[in-house]
Amino acid sequence: MIFLIFTAEGLAEAASEIQAEQATVWLNPDLKNTNDYAKLVESGCDCFFLSEQADPTNERSVINALSQVEKNSHDTEIYVEYL
């Protein structure tokens, strides 16, 4: 299971489920300094960052981010944060 998270609010909301599932998470680069990210790393979750900041309000940006995740993963179950 993979989570694709764009915002600090989305990360805070999904963090407990990500930890419980020991899921992989892909994040916008600006989330690197959040407490929730640090907790995920400490709990052993695999965390990756998108190559560029995605705008969750822009459909094309979300699709590009999802494409990056799909190209770098074999897991087909991907949960995407939508605003």
N, C-alpha and C. Protein backbone atom coordinates (compact mmCIF):
# COMPACT_ATOMS: atom_id res chain seq x y z
N MET A 1 0.84 -1.17 0.00
CA MET A 1 0.00 0.00 0.00
C MET A 1 0.89 1.24 0.00
N ILE A 2 0.49 2.20 -0.83
CA ILE A 2 1.25 3.44 -0.95
C ILE A 2 0.31 4.62 -0.71
N PHE A 3 0.81 5.61 -0.01
CA PHE A 3 0.08 6.87 0.17
C PHE A 3 0.83 7.96 -0.57
N LEU A 4 0.10 8.77 -1.30
CA LEU A 4 0.66 9.95 -1.98
C LEU A 4 0.04 11.16 -1.30
N ILE A 5 0.87 11.89 -0.56
CA ILE A 5 0.40 12.98 0.29
C ILE A 5 1.04 14.29 -0.16
N PHE A 6 0.19 15.34 -0.26
CA PHE A 6 0.66 16.64 -0.75
C PHE A 6 0.76 17.70 0.34
N THR A 7 -0.06 17.61 1.38
CA THR A 7 -0.13 18.69 2.36
C THR A 7 0.16 18.20 3.78
N ALA A 8 0.54 19.13 4.64
CA ALA A 8 0.78 18.80 6.05
C ALA A 8 -0.50 18.30 6.71
N GLU A 9 -1.63 18.88 6.33
CA GLU A 9 -2.92 18.46 6.89
C GLU A 9 -3.23 17.02 6.48
N GLY A 10 -2.98 16.69 5.23
CA GLY A 10 -3.21 15.33 4.75
C GLY A 10 -2.30 14.33 5.42
N LEU A 11 -1.05 14.73 5.64
CA LEU A 11 -0.10 13.86 6.32
C LEU A 11 -0.52 13.62 7.76
N ALA A 12 -0.94 14.66 8.44
CA ALA A 12 -1.38 14.51 9.83
C ALA A 12 -2.59 13.58 9.91
N GLU A 13 -3.49 13.72 8.95
CA GLU A 13 -4.70 12.89 8.95
C GLU A 13 -4.40 11.42 8.65
N ALA A 14 -3.45 11.16 7.77
CA ALA A 14 -3.16 9.79 7.35
C ALA A 14 -2.04 9.11 8.14
N ALA A 15 -1.30 9.85 8.95
CA ALA A 15 -0.10 9.32 9.60
C ALA A 15 -0.36 8.06 10.41
N SER A 16 -1.43 8.03 11.19
CA SER A 16 -1.67 6.84 12.03
C SER A 16 -1.95 5.61 11.17
N GLU A 17 -2.69 5.77 10.09
CA GLU A 17 -2.96 4.64 9.20
C GLU A 17 -1.70 4.19 8.48
N ILE A 18 -0.88 5.14 8.06
CA ILE A 18 0.37 4.81 7.39
C ILE A 18 1.26 4.00 8.34
N GLN A 19 1.36 4.44 9.59
CA GLN A 19 2.16 3.72 10.58
C GLN A 19 1.58 2.34 10.86
N ALA A 20 0.27 2.26 11.04
CA ALA A 20 -0.36 0.98 11.35
C ALA A 20 -0.15 -0.04 10.23
N GLU A 21 -0.18 0.42 8.99
CA GLU A 21 -0.02 -0.46 7.83
C GLU A 21 1.46 -0.65 7.46
N GLN A 22 2.35 0.12 8.08
CA GLN A 22 3.75 0.16 7.68
C GLN A 22 3.83 0.38 6.17
N ALA A 23 3.02 1.33 5.71
CA ALA A 23 2.89 1.63 4.29
C ALA A 23 4.04 2.49 3.79
N THR A 24 4.19 2.50 2.50
CA THR A 24 5.11 3.41 1.84
C THR A 24 4.39 4.72 1.62
N VAL A 25 5.12 5.82 1.76
CA VAL A 25 4.50 7.13 1.55
C VAL A 25 5.39 7.98 0.65
N TRP A 26 4.75 8.65 -0.29
CA TRP A 26 5.40 9.63 -1.15
C TRP A 26 4.87 10.99 -0.75
N LEU A 27 5.76 11.94 -0.61
CA LEU A 27 5.41 13.25 -0.07
C LEU A 27 5.92 14.38 -0.95
N ASN A 28 5.24 15.51 -0.87
CA ASN A 28 5.75 16.74 -1.46
C ASN A 28 7.04 17.11 -0.72
N PRO A 29 8.02 17.66 -1.41
CA PRO A 29 9.30 17.99 -0.77
C PRO A 29 9.19 18.92 0.44
N ASP A 30 8.19 19.78 0.47
CA ASP A 30 8.10 20.73 1.58
C ASP A 30 7.62 20.08 2.89
N LEU A 31 7.31 18.79 2.87
CA LEU A 31 6.87 18.10 4.09
C LEU A 31 8.02 17.44 4.85
N LYS A 32 9.23 17.63 4.36
CA LYS A 32 10.39 16.97 4.97
C LYS A 32 10.64 17.40 6.41
N ASN A 33 10.26 18.60 6.76
CA ASN A 33 10.55 19.10 8.11
C ASN A 33 9.35 19.04 9.05
N THR A 34 8.38 18.19 8.76
CA THR A 34 7.21 18.08 9.63
C THR A 34 7.43 17.01 10.69
N ASN A 35 6.77 17.16 11.81
CA ASN A 35 6.86 16.17 12.89
C ASN A 35 6.29 14.83 12.45
N ASP A 36 5.20 14.85 11.67
CA ASP A 36 4.60 13.60 11.22
C ASP A 36 5.56 12.82 10.32
N TYR A 37 6.31 13.50 9.48
CA TYR A 37 7.31 12.81 8.65
C TYR A 37 8.35 12.15 9.54
N ALA A 38 8.84 12.87 10.53
CA ALA A 38 9.85 12.31 11.43
C ALA A 38 9.32 11.07 12.15
N LYS A 39 8.07 11.10 12.56
CA LYS A 39 7.47 9.95 13.24
C LYS A 39 7.36 8.74 12.30
N LEU A 40 7.05 8.99 11.05
CA LEU A 40 6.97 7.89 10.09
C LEU A 40 8.33 7.23 9.89
N VAL A 41 9.35 8.05 9.78
CA VAL A 41 10.71 7.53 9.61
C VAL A 41 11.10 6.72 10.85
N GLU A 42 10.83 7.25 12.03
CA GLU A 42 11.15 6.55 13.27
C GLU A 42 10.42 5.22 13.39
N SER A 43 9.21 5.14 12.85
CA SER A 43 8.44 3.91 12.95
C SER A 43 8.80 2.89 11.87
N GLY A 44 9.70 3.27 10.96
CA GLY A 44 10.19 2.34 9.96
C GLY A 44 9.46 2.35 8.63
N CYS A 45 8.60 3.32 8.41
CA CYS A 45 7.90 3.42 7.13
C CYS A 45 8.87 3.90 6.04
N ASP A 46 8.67 3.39 4.84
CA ASP A 46 9.47 3.85 3.71
C ASP A 46 8.89 5.18 3.23
N CYS A 47 9.71 6.21 3.23
CA CYS A 47 9.28 7.55 2.83
C CYS A 47 10.11 8.03 1.65
N PHE A 48 9.43 8.55 0.66
CA PHE A 48 10.08 9.08 -0.52
C PHE A 48 9.52 10.46 -0.81
N PHE A 49 10.27 11.26 -1.54
CA PHE A 49 9.83 12.60 -1.90
C PHE A 49 9.70 12.73 -3.40
N LEU A 50 8.65 13.43 -3.80
CA LEU A 50 8.46 13.72 -5.22
C LEU A 50 9.63 14.56 -5.71
N SER A 51 9.93 14.46 -6.99
CA SER A 51 11.07 15.21 -7.54
C SER A 51 10.81 16.70 -7.60
N GLU A 52 9.53 17.07 -7.61
CA GLU A 52 9.18 18.50 -7.58
C GLU A 52 7.87 18.66 -6.82
N GLN A 53 7.66 19.86 -6.32
CA GLN A 53 6.46 20.18 -5.55
C GLN A 53 5.22 20.02 -6.43
N ALA A 54 4.26 19.22 -5.98
CA ALA A 54 3.01 19.04 -6.72
C ALA A 54 1.94 19.95 -6.11
N ASP A 55 1.11 20.50 -6.96
CA ASP A 55 0.00 21.34 -6.53
C ASP A 55 -1.25 20.47 -6.47
N PRO A 56 -1.74 20.17 -5.26
CA PRO A 56 -2.88 19.26 -5.15
C PRO A 56 -4.19 19.83 -5.69
N THR A 57 -4.22 21.11 -6.00
CA THR A 57 -5.43 21.71 -6.57
C THR A 57 -5.40 21.70 -8.10
N ASN A 58 -4.29 21.21 -8.67
CA ASN A 58 -4.12 21.17 -10.12
C ASN A 58 -4.10 19.72 -10.58
N GLU A 59 -5.12 19.31 -11.33
CA GLU A 59 -5.26 17.92 -11.74
C GLU A 59 -4.04 17.41 -12.50
N ARG A 60 -3.50 18.21 -13.38
CA ARG A 60 -2.32 17.79 -14.15
C ARG A 60 -1.13 17.54 -13.23
N SER A 61 -0.95 18.39 -12.24
CA SER A 61 0.14 18.24 -11.28
C SER A 61 -0.02 16.94 -10.47
N VAL A 62 -1.25 16.64 -10.08
CA VAL A 62 -1.52 15.41 -9.32
C VAL A 62 -1.25 14.19 -10.20
N ILE A 63 -1.68 14.24 -11.45
CA ILE A 63 -1.44 13.11 -12.37
C ILE A 63 0.05 12.91 -12.60
N ASN A 64 0.81 13.99 -12.74
CA ASN A 64 2.26 13.88 -12.90
C ASN A 64 2.91 13.24 -11.67
N ALA A 65 2.45 13.65 -10.49
CA ALA A 65 2.99 13.07 -9.25
C ALA A 65 2.65 11.59 -9.17
N LEU A 66 1.42 11.24 -9.49
CA LEU A 66 1.01 9.84 -9.48
C LEU A 66 1.81 9.02 -10.47
N SER A 67 2.09 9.58 -11.63
CA SER A 67 2.92 8.88 -12.63
C SER A 67 4.31 8.59 -12.09
N GLN A 68 4.88 9.54 -11.37
CA GLN A 68 6.21 9.32 -10.79
C GLN A 68 6.18 8.17 -9.79
N VAL A 69 5.14 8.14 -8.96
CA VAL A 69 5.01 7.07 -7.97
C VAL A 69 4.85 5.73 -8.67
N GLU A 70 4.00 5.67 -9.67
CA GLU A 70 3.76 4.41 -10.39
C GLU A 70 5.02 3.90 -11.07
N LYS A 71 5.83 4.79 -11.61
CA LYS A 71 7.06 4.39 -12.28
C LYS A 71 8.10 3.83 -11.31
N ASN A 72 7.98 4.22 -10.04
CA ASN A 72 8.98 3.83 -9.05
C ASN A 72 8.47 2.82 -8.03
N SER A 73 7.38 2.15 -8.34
CA SER A 73 6.80 1.20 -7.40
C SER A 73 6.16 0.04 -8.15
N HIS A 74 6.14 -1.11 -7.49
CA HIS A 74 5.46 -2.28 -8.05
C HIS A 74 4.08 -2.45 -7.44
N ASP A 75 3.80 -1.72 -6.38
CA ASP A 75 2.52 -1.81 -5.69
C ASP A 75 1.47 -1.04 -6.49
N THR A 76 0.32 -1.64 -6.70
CA THR A 76 -0.73 -0.98 -7.49
C THR A 76 -1.80 -0.34 -6.61
N GLU A 77 -1.73 -0.54 -5.31
CA GLU A 77 -2.71 0.05 -4.39
C GLU A 77 -2.16 1.37 -3.89
N ILE A 78 -2.64 2.48 -4.47
CA ILE A 78 -2.13 3.80 -4.15
C ILE A 78 -3.28 4.68 -3.69
N TYR A 79 -3.14 5.23 -2.48
CA TYR A 79 -4.12 6.15 -1.95
C TYR A 79 -3.60 7.57 -2.17
N VAL A 80 -4.39 8.40 -2.83
CA VAL A 80 -3.97 9.74 -3.22
C VAL A 80 -4.78 10.77 -2.43
N GLU A 81 -4.09 11.71 -1.81
CA GLU A 81 -4.77 12.82 -1.12
C GLU A 81 -5.39 13.74 -2.16
N TYR A 82 -6.69 13.95 -2.02
CA TYR A 82 -7.39 14.90 -2.88
C TYR A 82 -7.96 16.01 -2.04
N LEU A 83 -7.91 17.23 -2.56
CA LEU A 83 -8.47 18.38 -1.84
C LEU A 83 -9.83 18.72 -2.38
